[in-house]
mmCIF file of all heavy atoms, coordinates in Angstrom:
data_MODEL
# 
_entry.id   MODEL 
# 
loop_
_atom_site.group_PDB 
_atom_site.id 
_atom_site.type_symbol 
_atom_site.label_atom_id 
_atom_site.label_alt_id 
_atom_site.label_comp_id 
_atom_site.label_asym_id 
_atom_site.label_entity_id 
_atom_site.label_seq_id 
_atom_site.pdbx_PDB_ins_code 
_atom_site.Cartn_x 
_atom_site.Cartn_y 
_atom_site.Cartn_z 
_atom_site.occupancy 
_atom_site.B_iso_or_equiv 
_atom_site.pdbx_formal_charge 
_atom_site.auth_seq_id 
_atom_site.auth_comp_id 
_atom_site.auth_asym_id 
_atom_site.auth_atom_id 
_atom_site.pdbx_PDB_model_num 
ATOM 1   N N   . LEU A 1 1  ? 25.699 118.159 44.889 1.00 0.00 ? 1  LEU A N   1 
ATOM 2   C CA  . LEU A 1 1  ? 26.793 118.785 45.607 1.00 0.00 ? 1  LEU A CA  1 
ATOM 3   C C   . LEU A 1 1  ? 27.062 120.242 45.062 1.00 0.00 ? 1  LEU A C   1 
ATOM 4   O O   . LEU A 1 1  ? 27.392 121.132 45.888 1.00 0.00 ? 1  LEU A O   1 
ATOM 5   C CB  . LEU A 1 1  ? 28.057 117.934 45.425 1.00 0.00 ? 1  LEU A CB  1 
ATOM 6   C CG  . LEU A 1 1  ? 28.256 116.793 46.355 1.00 0.00 ? 1  LEU A CG  1 
ATOM 7   C CD1 . LEU A 1 1  ? 29.557 116.114 46.056 1.00 0.00 ? 1  LEU A CD1 1 
ATOM 8   C CD2 . LEU A 1 1  ? 28.331 117.243 47.809 1.00 0.00 ? 1  LEU A CD2 1 
ATOM 9   N N   . ARG A 1 2  ? 26.939 120.502 43.790 1.00 0.00 ? 2  ARG A N   1 
ATOM 10  C CA  . ARG A 1 2  ? 27.084 121.879 43.296 1.00 0.00 ? 2  ARG A CA  1 
ATOM 11  C C   . ARG A 1 2  ? 26.036 122.771 43.914 1.00 0.00 ? 2  ARG A C   1 
ATOM 12  O O   . ARG A 1 2  ? 26.382 123.901 44.147 1.00 0.00 ? 2  ARG A O   1 
ATOM 13  C CB  . ARG A 1 2  ? 27.013 121.817 41.701 1.00 0.00 ? 2  ARG A CB  1 
ATOM 14  C CG  . ARG A 1 2  ? 28.249 121.254 41.035 1.00 0.00 ? 2  ARG A CG  1 
ATOM 15  C CD  . ARG A 1 2  ? 28.260 121.581 39.537 1.00 0.00 ? 2  ARG A CD  1 
ATOM 16  N NE  . ARG A 1 2  ? 27.202 120.817 38.863 1.00 0.00 ? 2  ARG A NE  1 
ATOM 17  C CZ  . ARG A 1 2  ? 27.145 119.663 38.394 1.00 0.00 ? 2  ARG A CZ  1 
ATOM 18  N NH1 . ARG A 1 2  ? 28.178 118.945 38.455 1.00 0.00 ? 2  ARG A NH1 1 
ATOM 19  N NH2 . ARG A 1 2  ? 26.086 119.220 37.688 1.00 0.00 ? 2  ARG A NH2 1 
ATOM 20  N N   . GLU A 1 3  ? 24.792 122.288 44.035 1.00 0.00 ? 3  GLU A N   1 
ATOM 21  C CA  . GLU A 1 3  ? 23.766 123.103 44.634 1.00 0.00 ? 3  GLU A CA  1 
ATOM 22  C C   . GLU A 1 3  ? 23.966 123.438 46.021 1.00 0.00 ? 3  GLU A C   1 
ATOM 23  O O   . GLU A 1 3  ? 23.766 124.488 46.607 1.00 0.00 ? 3  GLU A O   1 
ATOM 24  C CB  . GLU A 1 3  ? 22.468 122.451 44.384 1.00 0.00 ? 3  GLU A CB  1 
ATOM 25  C CG  . GLU A 1 3  ? 22.067 122.430 42.962 1.00 0.00 ? 3  GLU A CG  1 
ATOM 26  C CD  . GLU A 1 3  ? 20.773 121.679 42.628 1.00 0.00 ? 3  GLU A CD  1 
ATOM 27  O OE1 . GLU A 1 3  ? 20.106 121.075 43.573 1.00 0.00 ? 3  GLU A OE1 1 
ATOM 28  O OE2 . GLU A 1 3  ? 20.274 121.614 41.523 1.00 0.00 ? 3  GLU A OE2 1 
ATOM 29  N N   . ILE A 1 4  ? 24.627 122.418 46.822 1.00 0.00 ? 4  ILE A N   1 
ATOM 30  C CA  . ILE A 1 4  ? 25.007 122.681 48.220 1.00 0.00 ? 4  ILE A CA  1 
ATOM 31  C C   . ILE A 1 4  ? 26.046 123.657 48.274 1.00 0.00 ? 4  ILE A C   1 
ATOM 32  O O   . ILE A 1 4  ? 26.074 124.514 49.110 1.00 0.00 ? 4  ILE A O   1 
ATOM 33  C CB  . ILE A 1 4  ? 25.349 121.272 48.859 1.00 0.00 ? 4  ILE A CB  1 
ATOM 34  C CG1 . ILE A 1 4  ? 24.098 120.300 48.992 1.00 0.00 ? 4  ILE A CG1 1 
ATOM 35  C CG2 . ILE A 1 4  ? 25.927 121.645 50.240 1.00 0.00 ? 4  ILE A CG2 1 
ATOM 36  C CD1 . ILE A 1 4  ? 24.542 118.907 49.398 1.00 0.00 ? 4  ILE A CD1 1 
ATOM 37  N N   . GLU A 1 5  ? 27.044 123.505 47.340 1.00 0.00 ? 5  GLU A N   1 
ATOM 38  C CA  . GLU A 1 5  ? 28.286 124.325 47.435 1.00 0.00 ? 5  GLU A CA  1 
ATOM 39  C C   . GLU A 1 5  ? 27.906 125.869 47.201 1.00 0.00 ? 5  GLU A C   1 
ATOM 40  O O   . GLU A 1 5  ? 28.658 126.618 47.756 1.00 0.00 ? 5  GLU A O   1 
ATOM 41  C CB  . GLU A 1 5  ? 29.258 123.849 46.318 1.00 0.00 ? 5  GLU A CB  1 
ATOM 42  C CG  . GLU A 1 5  ? 30.652 124.467 46.434 1.00 0.00 ? 5  GLU A CG  1 
ATOM 43  C CD  . GLU A 1 5  ? 31.695 123.813 45.384 1.00 0.00 ? 5  GLU A CD  1 
ATOM 44  O OE1 . GLU A 1 5  ? 31.088 123.272 44.385 1.00 0.00 ? 5  GLU A OE1 1 
ATOM 45  O OE2 . GLU A 1 5  ? 32.872 124.017 45.586 1.00 0.00 ? 5  GLU A OE2 1 
ATOM 46  N N   . VAL A 1 6  ? 26.920 126.031 46.506 1.00 0.00 ? 6  VAL A N   1 
ATOM 47  C CA  . VAL A 1 6  ? 26.474 127.473 46.237 1.00 0.00 ? 6  VAL A CA  1 
ATOM 48  C C   . VAL A 1 6  ? 26.348 128.227 47.694 1.00 0.00 ? 6  VAL A C   1 
ATOM 49  O O   . VAL A 1 6  ? 26.805 129.287 47.903 1.00 0.00 ? 6  VAL A O   1 
ATOM 50  C CB  . VAL A 1 6  ? 25.217 127.664 45.531 1.00 0.00 ? 6  VAL A CB  1 
ATOM 51  C CG1 . VAL A 1 6  ? 24.658 129.009 45.482 1.00 0.00 ? 6  VAL A CG1 1 
ATOM 52  C CG2 . VAL A 1 6  ? 25.370 127.181 44.021 1.00 0.00 ? 6  VAL A CG2 1 
ATOM 53  N N   . GLY A 1 7  ? 25.579 127.522 48.565 1.00 0.00 ? 7  GLY A N   1 
ATOM 54  C CA  . GLY A 1 7  ? 25.351 128.055 49.871 1.00 0.00 ? 7  GLY A CA  1 
ATOM 55  C C   . GLY A 1 7  ? 26.677 128.008 50.684 1.00 0.00 ? 7  GLY A C   1 
ATOM 56  O O   . GLY A 1 7  ? 26.907 128.984 51.499 1.00 0.00 ? 7  GLY A O   1 
ATOM 57  N N   . ILE A 1 8  ? 27.512 126.987 50.671 1.00 0.00 ? 8  ILE A N   1 
ATOM 58  C CA  . ILE A 1 8  ? 28.753 126.904 51.367 1.00 0.00 ? 8  ILE A CA  1 
ATOM 59  C C   . ILE A 1 8  ? 29.571 128.081 51.162 1.00 0.00 ? 8  ILE A C   1 
ATOM 60  O O   . ILE A 1 8  ? 30.080 128.711 52.021 1.00 0.00 ? 8  ILE A O   1 
ATOM 61  C CB  . ILE A 1 8  ? 29.444 125.655 51.115 1.00 0.00 ? 8  ILE A CB  1 
ATOM 62  C CG1 . ILE A 1 8  ? 28.677 124.334 51.616 1.00 0.00 ? 8  ILE A CG1 1 
ATOM 63  C CG2 . ILE A 1 8  ? 30.868 125.696 51.727 1.00 0.00 ? 8  ILE A CG2 1 
ATOM 64  C CD1 . ILE A 1 8  ? 29.282 123.011 51.248 1.00 0.00 ? 8  ILE A CD1 1 
ATOM 65  N N   . LYS A 1 9  ? 29.734 128.420 49.771 1.00 0.00 ? 9  LYS A N   1 
ATOM 66  C CA  . LYS A 1 9  ? 30.722 129.504 49.460 1.00 0.00 ? 9  LYS A CA  1 
ATOM 67  C C   . LYS A 1 9  ? 30.262 130.878 49.900 1.00 0.00 ? 9  LYS A C   1 
ATOM 68  O O   . LYS A 1 9  ? 31.081 131.728 50.129 1.00 0.00 ? 9  LYS A O   1 
ATOM 69  C CB  . LYS A 1 9  ? 30.761 129.459 47.928 1.00 0.00 ? 9  LYS A CB  1 
ATOM 70  C CG  . LYS A 1 9  ? 31.596 128.340 47.327 1.00 0.00 ? 9  LYS A CG  1 
ATOM 71  C CD  . LYS A 1 9  ? 31.665 128.475 45.813 1.00 0.00 ? 9  LYS A CD  1 
ATOM 72  C CE  . LYS A 1 9  ? 32.627 127.404 45.167 1.00 0.00 ? 9  LYS A CE  1 
ATOM 73  N NZ  . LYS A 1 9  ? 32.700 127.459 43.736 1.00 0.00 ? 9  LYS A NZ  1 
ATOM 74  N N   . GLU A 1 10 ? 28.958 131.025 50.210 1.00 0.00 ? 10 GLU A N   1 
ATOM 75  C CA  . GLU A 1 10 ? 28.443 132.330 50.715 1.00 0.00 ? 10 GLU A CA  1 
ATOM 76  C C   . GLU A 1 10 ? 28.956 132.583 52.123 1.00 0.00 ? 10 GLU A C   1 
ATOM 77  O O   . GLU A 1 10 ? 29.054 133.765 52.540 1.00 0.00 ? 10 GLU A O   1 
ATOM 78  C CB  . GLU A 1 10 ? 26.879 132.335 50.729 1.00 0.00 ? 10 GLU A CB  1 
ATOM 79  C CG  . GLU A 1 10 ? 26.360 132.400 49.279 1.00 0.00 ? 10 GLU A CG  1 
ATOM 80  C CD  . GLU A 1 10 ? 24.773 132.426 49.324 1.00 0.00 ? 10 GLU A CD  1 
ATOM 81  O OE1 . GLU A 1 10 ? 24.329 132.702 50.430 1.00 0.00 ? 10 GLU A OE1 1 
ATOM 82  O OE2 . GLU A 1 10 ? 24.219 132.059 48.375 1.00 0.00 ? 10 GLU A OE2 1 
ATOM 83  N N   . LYS A 1 11 ? 29.230 131.480 52.969 1.00 0.00 ? 11 LYS A N   1 
ATOM 84  C CA  . LYS A 1 11 ? 29.544 131.663 54.329 1.00 0.00 ? 11 LYS A CA  1 
ATOM 85  C C   . LYS A 1 11 ? 30.801 131.094 54.783 1.00 0.00 ? 11 LYS A C   1 
ATOM 86  O O   . LYS A 1 11 ? 31.142 131.283 55.961 1.00 0.00 ? 11 LYS A O   1 
ATOM 87  C CB  . LYS A 1 11 ? 28.301 131.102 55.222 1.00 0.00 ? 11 LYS A CB  1 
ATOM 88  C CG  . LYS A 1 11 ? 27.006 131.858 55.047 1.00 0.00 ? 11 LYS A CG  1 
ATOM 89  C CD  . LYS A 1 11 ? 27.081 133.165 55.777 1.00 0.00 ? 11 LYS A CD  1 
ATOM 90  C CE  . LYS A 1 11 ? 25.683 133.910 55.661 1.00 0.00 ? 11 LYS A CE  1 
ATOM 91  N NZ  . LYS A 1 11 ? 25.658 135.160 56.357 1.00 0.00 ? 11 LYS A NZ  1 
ATOM 92  N N   . ILE A 1 12 ? 31.482 130.309 53.978 1.00 0.00 ? 12 ILE A N   1 
ATOM 93  C CA  . ILE A 1 12 ? 32.657 129.770 54.410 1.00 0.00 ? 12 ILE A CA  1 
ATOM 94  C C   . ILE A 1 12 ? 33.845 130.576 54.864 1.00 0.00 ? 12 ILE A C   1 
ATOM 95  O O   . ILE A 1 12 ? 34.595 130.261 55.736 1.00 0.00 ? 12 ILE A O   1 
ATOM 96  C CB  . ILE A 1 12 ? 33.013 128.591 53.429 1.00 0.00 ? 12 ILE A CB  1 
ATOM 97  C CG1 . ILE A 1 12 ? 33.959 127.515 54.091 1.00 0.00 ? 12 ILE A CG1 1 
ATOM 98  C CG2 . ILE A 1 12 ? 33.739 129.245 52.253 1.00 0.00 ? 12 ILE A CG2 1 
ATOM 99  C CD1 . ILE A 1 12 ? 33.400 126.668 55.081 1.00 0.00 ? 12 ILE A CD1 1 
ATOM 100 N N   . GLY A 1 13 ? 33.970 131.658 54.268 1.00 0.00 ? 13 GLY A N   1 
ATOM 101 C CA  . GLY A 1 13 ? 35.115 132.561 54.458 1.00 0.00 ? 13 GLY A CA  1 
ATOM 102 C C   . GLY A 1 13 ? 36.537 131.877 54.274 1.00 0.00 ? 13 GLY A C   1 
ATOM 103 O O   . GLY A 1 13 ? 36.686 131.237 53.249 1.00 0.00 ? 13 GLY A O   1 
ATOM 104 N N   . ASN A 1 14 ? 37.324 131.998 55.296 1.00 0.00 ? 14 ASN A N   1 
ATOM 105 C CA  . ASN A 1 14 ? 38.619 131.346 55.164 1.00 0.00 ? 14 ASN A CA  1 
ATOM 106 C C   . ASN A 1 14 ? 38.605 129.892 55.757 1.00 0.00 ? 14 ASN A C   1 
ATOM 107 O O   . ASN A 1 14 ? 39.662 129.343 55.898 1.00 0.00 ? 14 ASN A O   1 
ATOM 108 C CB  . ASN A 1 14 ? 39.655 132.193 55.994 1.00 0.00 ? 14 ASN A CB  1 
ATOM 109 C CG  . ASN A 1 14 ? 39.840 133.522 55.262 1.00 0.00 ? 14 ASN A CG  1 
ATOM 110 O OD1 . ASN A 1 14 ? 39.900 133.619 54.087 1.00 0.00 ? 14 ASN A OD1 1 
ATOM 111 N ND2 . ASN A 1 14 ? 39.905 134.613 56.118 1.00 0.00 ? 14 ASN A ND2 1 
ATOM 112 N N   . LYS A 1 15 ? 37.470 129.459 56.192 1.00 0.00 ? 15 LYS A N   1 
ATOM 113 C CA  . LYS A 1 15 ? 37.388 128.099 56.745 1.00 0.00 ? 15 LYS A CA  1 
ATOM 114 C C   . LYS A 1 15 ? 37.570 127.041 55.697 1.00 0.00 ? 15 LYS A C   1 
ATOM 115 O O   . LYS A 1 15 ? 37.433 127.251 54.505 1.00 0.00 ? 15 LYS A O   1 
ATOM 116 C CB  . LYS A 1 15 ? 36.073 127.856 57.486 1.00 0.00 ? 15 LYS A CB  1 
ATOM 117 C CG  . LYS A 1 15 ? 35.993 128.802 58.798 1.00 0.00 ? 15 LYS A CG  1 
ATOM 118 C CD  . LYS A 1 15 ? 34.780 128.509 59.643 1.00 0.00 ? 15 LYS A CD  1 
ATOM 119 C CE  . LYS A 1 15 ? 33.478 129.070 58.952 1.00 0.00 ? 15 LYS A CE  1 
ATOM 120 N NZ  . LYS A 1 15 ? 32.401 128.995 59.944 1.00 0.00 ? 15 LYS A NZ  1 
ATOM 121 N N   . ILE A 1 16 ? 37.745 125.825 56.070 1.00 0.00 ? 16 ILE A N   1 
ATOM 122 C CA  . ILE A 1 16 ? 38.001 124.708 55.181 1.00 0.00 ? 16 ILE A CA  1 
ATOM 123 C C   . ILE A 1 16 ? 36.773 123.970 54.772 1.00 0.00 ? 16 ILE A C   1 
ATOM 124 O O   . ILE A 1 16 ? 35.879 123.783 55.568 1.00 0.00 ? 16 ILE A O   1 
ATOM 125 C CB  . ILE A 1 16 ? 39.015 123.750 55.721 1.00 0.00 ? 16 ILE A CB  1 
ATOM 126 C CG1 . ILE A 1 16 ? 40.326 124.262 56.015 1.00 0.00 ? 16 ILE A CG1 1 
ATOM 127 C CG2 . ILE A 1 16 ? 39.137 122.476 54.829 1.00 0.00 ? 16 ILE A CG2 1 
ATOM 128 C CD1 . ILE A 1 16 ? 41.301 123.468 56.909 1.00 0.00 ? 16 ILE A CD1 1 
ATOM 129 N N   . TYR A 1 17 ? 36.604 123.715 53.456 1.00 0.00 ? 17 TYR A N   1 
ATOM 130 C CA  . TYR A 1 17 ? 35.493 122.839 53.039 1.00 0.00 ? 17 TYR A CA  1 
ATOM 131 C C   . TYR A 1 17 ? 35.940 121.986 51.929 1.00 0.00 ? 17 TYR A C   1 
ATOM 132 O O   . TYR A 1 17 ? 36.903 122.253 51.141 1.00 0.00 ? 17 TYR A O   1 
ATOM 133 C CB  . TYR A 1 17 ? 34.290 123.651 52.739 1.00 0.00 ? 17 TYR A CB  1 
ATOM 134 C CG  . TYR A 1 17 ? 34.192 124.102 51.304 1.00 0.00 ? 17 TYR A CG  1 
ATOM 135 C CD1 . TYR A 1 17 ? 33.573 123.283 50.254 1.00 0.00 ? 17 TYR A CD1 1 
ATOM 136 C CD2 . TYR A 1 17 ? 34.793 125.335 50.834 1.00 0.00 ? 17 TYR A CD2 1 
ATOM 137 C CE1 . TYR A 1 17 ? 33.441 123.742 48.940 1.00 0.00 ? 17 TYR A CE1 1 
ATOM 138 C CE2 . TYR A 1 17 ? 34.700 125.776 49.519 1.00 0.00 ? 17 TYR A CE2 1 
ATOM 139 C CZ  . TYR A 1 17 ? 34.040 125.003 48.579 1.00 0.00 ? 17 TYR A CZ  1 
ATOM 140 O OH  . TYR A 1 17 ? 34.001 125.408 47.264 1.00 0.00 ? 17 TYR A OH  1 
ATOM 141 N N   . GLU A 1 18 ? 35.363 120.745 51.837 1.00 0.00 ? 18 GLU A N   1 
ATOM 142 C CA  . GLU A 1 18 ? 35.623 119.810 50.753 1.00 0.00 ? 18 GLU A CA  1 
ATOM 143 C C   . GLU A 1 18 ? 34.297 119.270 50.300 1.00 0.00 ? 18 GLU A C   1 
ATOM 144 O O   . GLU A 1 18 ? 33.414 119.128 51.056 1.00 0.00 ? 18 GLU A O   1 
ATOM 145 C CB  . GLU A 1 18 ? 36.508 118.755 51.145 1.00 0.00 ? 18 GLU A CB  1 
ATOM 146 C CG  . GLU A 1 18 ? 37.884 119.125 51.712 1.00 0.00 ? 18 GLU A CG  1 
ATOM 147 C CD  . GLU A 1 18 ? 38.787 117.968 52.116 1.00 0.00 ? 18 GLU A CD  1 
ATOM 148 O OE1 . GLU A 1 18 ? 38.752 116.943 51.415 1.00 0.00 ? 18 GLU A OE1 1 
ATOM 149 O OE2 . GLU A 1 18 ? 39.559 118.045 53.046 1.00 0.00 ? 18 GLU A OE2 1 
ATOM 150 N N   . CYS A 1 19 ? 34.173 118.873 48.949 1.00 0.00 ? 19 CYS A N   1 
ATOM 151 C CA  . CYS A 1 19 ? 33.074 118.113 48.389 1.00 0.00 ? 19 CYS A CA  1 
ATOM 152 C C   . CYS A 1 19 ? 33.666 116.836 48.007 1.00 0.00 ? 19 CYS A C   1 
ATOM 153 O O   . CYS A 1 19 ? 34.495 116.705 47.110 1.00 0.00 ? 19 CYS A O   1 
ATOM 154 C CB  . CYS A 1 19 ? 32.537 118.900 47.176 1.00 0.00 ? 19 CYS A CB  1 
ATOM 155 S SG  . CYS A 1 19 ? 31.747 120.409 47.651 1.00 0.00 ? 19 CYS A SG  1 
ATOM 156 N N   . ILE A 1 20 ? 33.088 115.798 48.670 1.00 0.00 ? 20 ILE A N   1 
ATOM 157 C CA  . ILE A 1 20 ? 33.547 114.392 48.354 1.00 0.00 ? 20 ILE A CA  1 
ATOM 158 C C   . ILE A 1 20 ? 32.310 113.603 48.149 1.00 0.00 ? 20 ILE A C   1 
ATOM 159 O O   . ILE A 1 20 ? 31.528 113.220 49.036 1.00 0.00 ? 20 ILE A O   1 
ATOM 160 C CB  . ILE A 1 20 ? 34.267 113.784 49.583 1.00 0.00 ? 20 ILE A CB  1 
ATOM 161 C CG1 . ILE A 1 20 ? 35.519 114.742 49.877 1.00 0.00 ? 20 ILE A CG1 1 
ATOM 162 C CG2 . ILE A 1 20 ? 34.802 112.375 49.235 1.00 0.00 ? 20 ILE A CG2 1 
ATOM 163 C CD1 . ILE A 1 20 ? 36.250 114.286 51.175 1.00 0.00 ? 20 ILE A CD1 1 
ATOM 164 N N   . PRO A 1 21 ? 31.967 113.251 46.849 1.00 0.00 ? 21 PRO A N   1 
ATOM 165 C CA  . PRO A 1 21 ? 30.795 112.546 46.492 1.00 0.00 ? 21 PRO A CA  1 
ATOM 166 C C   . PRO A 1 21 ? 30.515 111.200 47.183 1.00 0.00 ? 21 PRO A C   1 
ATOM 167 O O   . PRO A 1 21 ? 29.455 110.903 47.600 1.00 0.00 ? 21 PRO A O   1 
ATOM 168 C CB  . PRO A 1 21 ? 30.812 112.396 44.946 1.00 0.00 ? 21 PRO A CB  1 
ATOM 169 C CG  . PRO A 1 21 ? 31.787 113.418 44.530 1.00 0.00 ? 21 PRO A CG  1 
ATOM 170 C CD  . PRO A 1 21 ? 32.737 113.559 45.598 1.00 0.00 ? 21 PRO A CD  1 
ATOM 171 N N   . ASP A 1 22 ? 31.573 110.406 47.434 1.00 0.00 ? 22 ASP A N   1 
ATOM 172 C CA  . ASP A 1 22 ? 31.551 109.128 48.010 1.00 0.00 ? 22 ASP A CA  1 
ATOM 173 C C   . ASP A 1 22 ? 31.427 109.338 49.531 1.00 0.00 ? 22 ASP A C   1 
ATOM 174 O O   . ASP A 1 22 ? 32.370 109.767 50.213 1.00 0.00 ? 22 ASP A O   1 
ATOM 175 C CB  . ASP A 1 22 ? 32.847 108.358 47.734 1.00 0.00 ? 22 ASP A CB  1 
ATOM 176 C CG  . ASP A 1 22 ? 32.848 106.882 48.174 1.00 0.00 ? 22 ASP A CG  1 
ATOM 177 O OD1 . ASP A 1 22 ? 32.687 106.829 49.456 1.00 0.00 ? 22 ASP A OD1 1 
ATOM 178 O OD2 . ASP A 1 22 ? 32.835 106.031 47.397 1.00 0.00 ? 22 ASP A OD2 1 
ATOM 179 N N   . ARG A 1 23 ? 30.222 108.954 50.084 1.00 0.00 ? 23 ARG A N   1 
ATOM 180 C CA  . ARG A 1 23 ? 29.953 109.172 51.560 1.00 0.00 ? 23 ARG A CA  1 
ATOM 181 C C   . ARG A 1 23 ? 31.030 108.503 52.414 1.00 0.00 ? 23 ARG A C   1 
ATOM 182 O O   . ARG A 1 23 ? 31.404 108.963 53.383 1.00 0.00 ? 23 ARG A O   1 
ATOM 183 C CB  . ARG A 1 23 ? 28.588 108.679 51.802 1.00 0.00 ? 23 ARG A CB  1 
ATOM 184 C CG  . ARG A 1 23 ? 28.129 109.212 53.288 1.00 0.00 ? 23 ARG A CG  1 
ATOM 185 C CD  . ARG A 1 23 ? 26.589 108.909 53.418 1.00 0.00 ? 23 ARG A CD  1 
ATOM 186 N NE  . ARG A 1 23 ? 26.201 109.381 54.754 1.00 0.00 ? 23 ARG A NE  1 
ATOM 187 C CZ  . ARG A 1 23 ? 25.599 110.635 55.007 1.00 0.00 ? 23 ARG A CZ  1 
ATOM 188 N NH1 . ARG A 1 23 ? 25.503 111.434 53.949 1.00 0.00 ? 23 ARG A NH1 1 
ATOM 189 N NH2 . ARG A 1 23 ? 25.163 110.902 56.242 1.00 0.00 ? 23 ARG A NH2 1 
ATOM 190 N N   . ARG A 1 24 ? 31.411 107.303 52.061 1.00 0.00 ? 24 ARG A N   1 
ATOM 191 C CA  . ARG A 1 24 ? 32.356 106.518 52.858 1.00 0.00 ? 24 ARG A CA  1 
ATOM 192 C C   . ARG A 1 24 ? 33.686 107.304 52.922 1.00 0.00 ? 24 ARG A C   1 
ATOM 193 O O   . ARG A 1 24 ? 34.309 107.432 53.953 1.00 0.00 ? 24 ARG A O   1 
ATOM 194 C CB  . ARG A 1 24 ? 32.497 105.133 52.267 1.00 0.00 ? 24 ARG A CB  1 
ATOM 195 C CG  . ARG A 1 24 ? 33.521 104.257 53.077 1.00 0.00 ? 24 ARG A CG  1 
ATOM 196 C CD  . ARG A 1 24 ? 33.600 102.796 52.528 1.00 0.00 ? 24 ARG A CD  1 
ATOM 197 N NE  . ARG A 1 24 ? 34.339 101.838 53.281 1.00 0.00 ? 24 ARG A NE  1 
ATOM 198 C CZ  . ARG A 1 24 ? 35.669 101.875 53.230 1.00 0.00 ? 24 ARG A CZ  1 
ATOM 199 N NH1 . ARG A 1 24 ? 36.333 102.577 52.374 1.00 0.00 ? 24 ARG A NH1 1 
ATOM 200 N NH2 . ARG A 1 24 ? 36.320 101.017 54.065 1.00 0.00 ? 24 ARG A NH2 1 
# 
């Protein structure tokens, strides 16, 4: 998730994102 989050932070701007390890 930390490796995915690197890319998310580059483009997310003011939009919402969450990292939730449990898929369910």
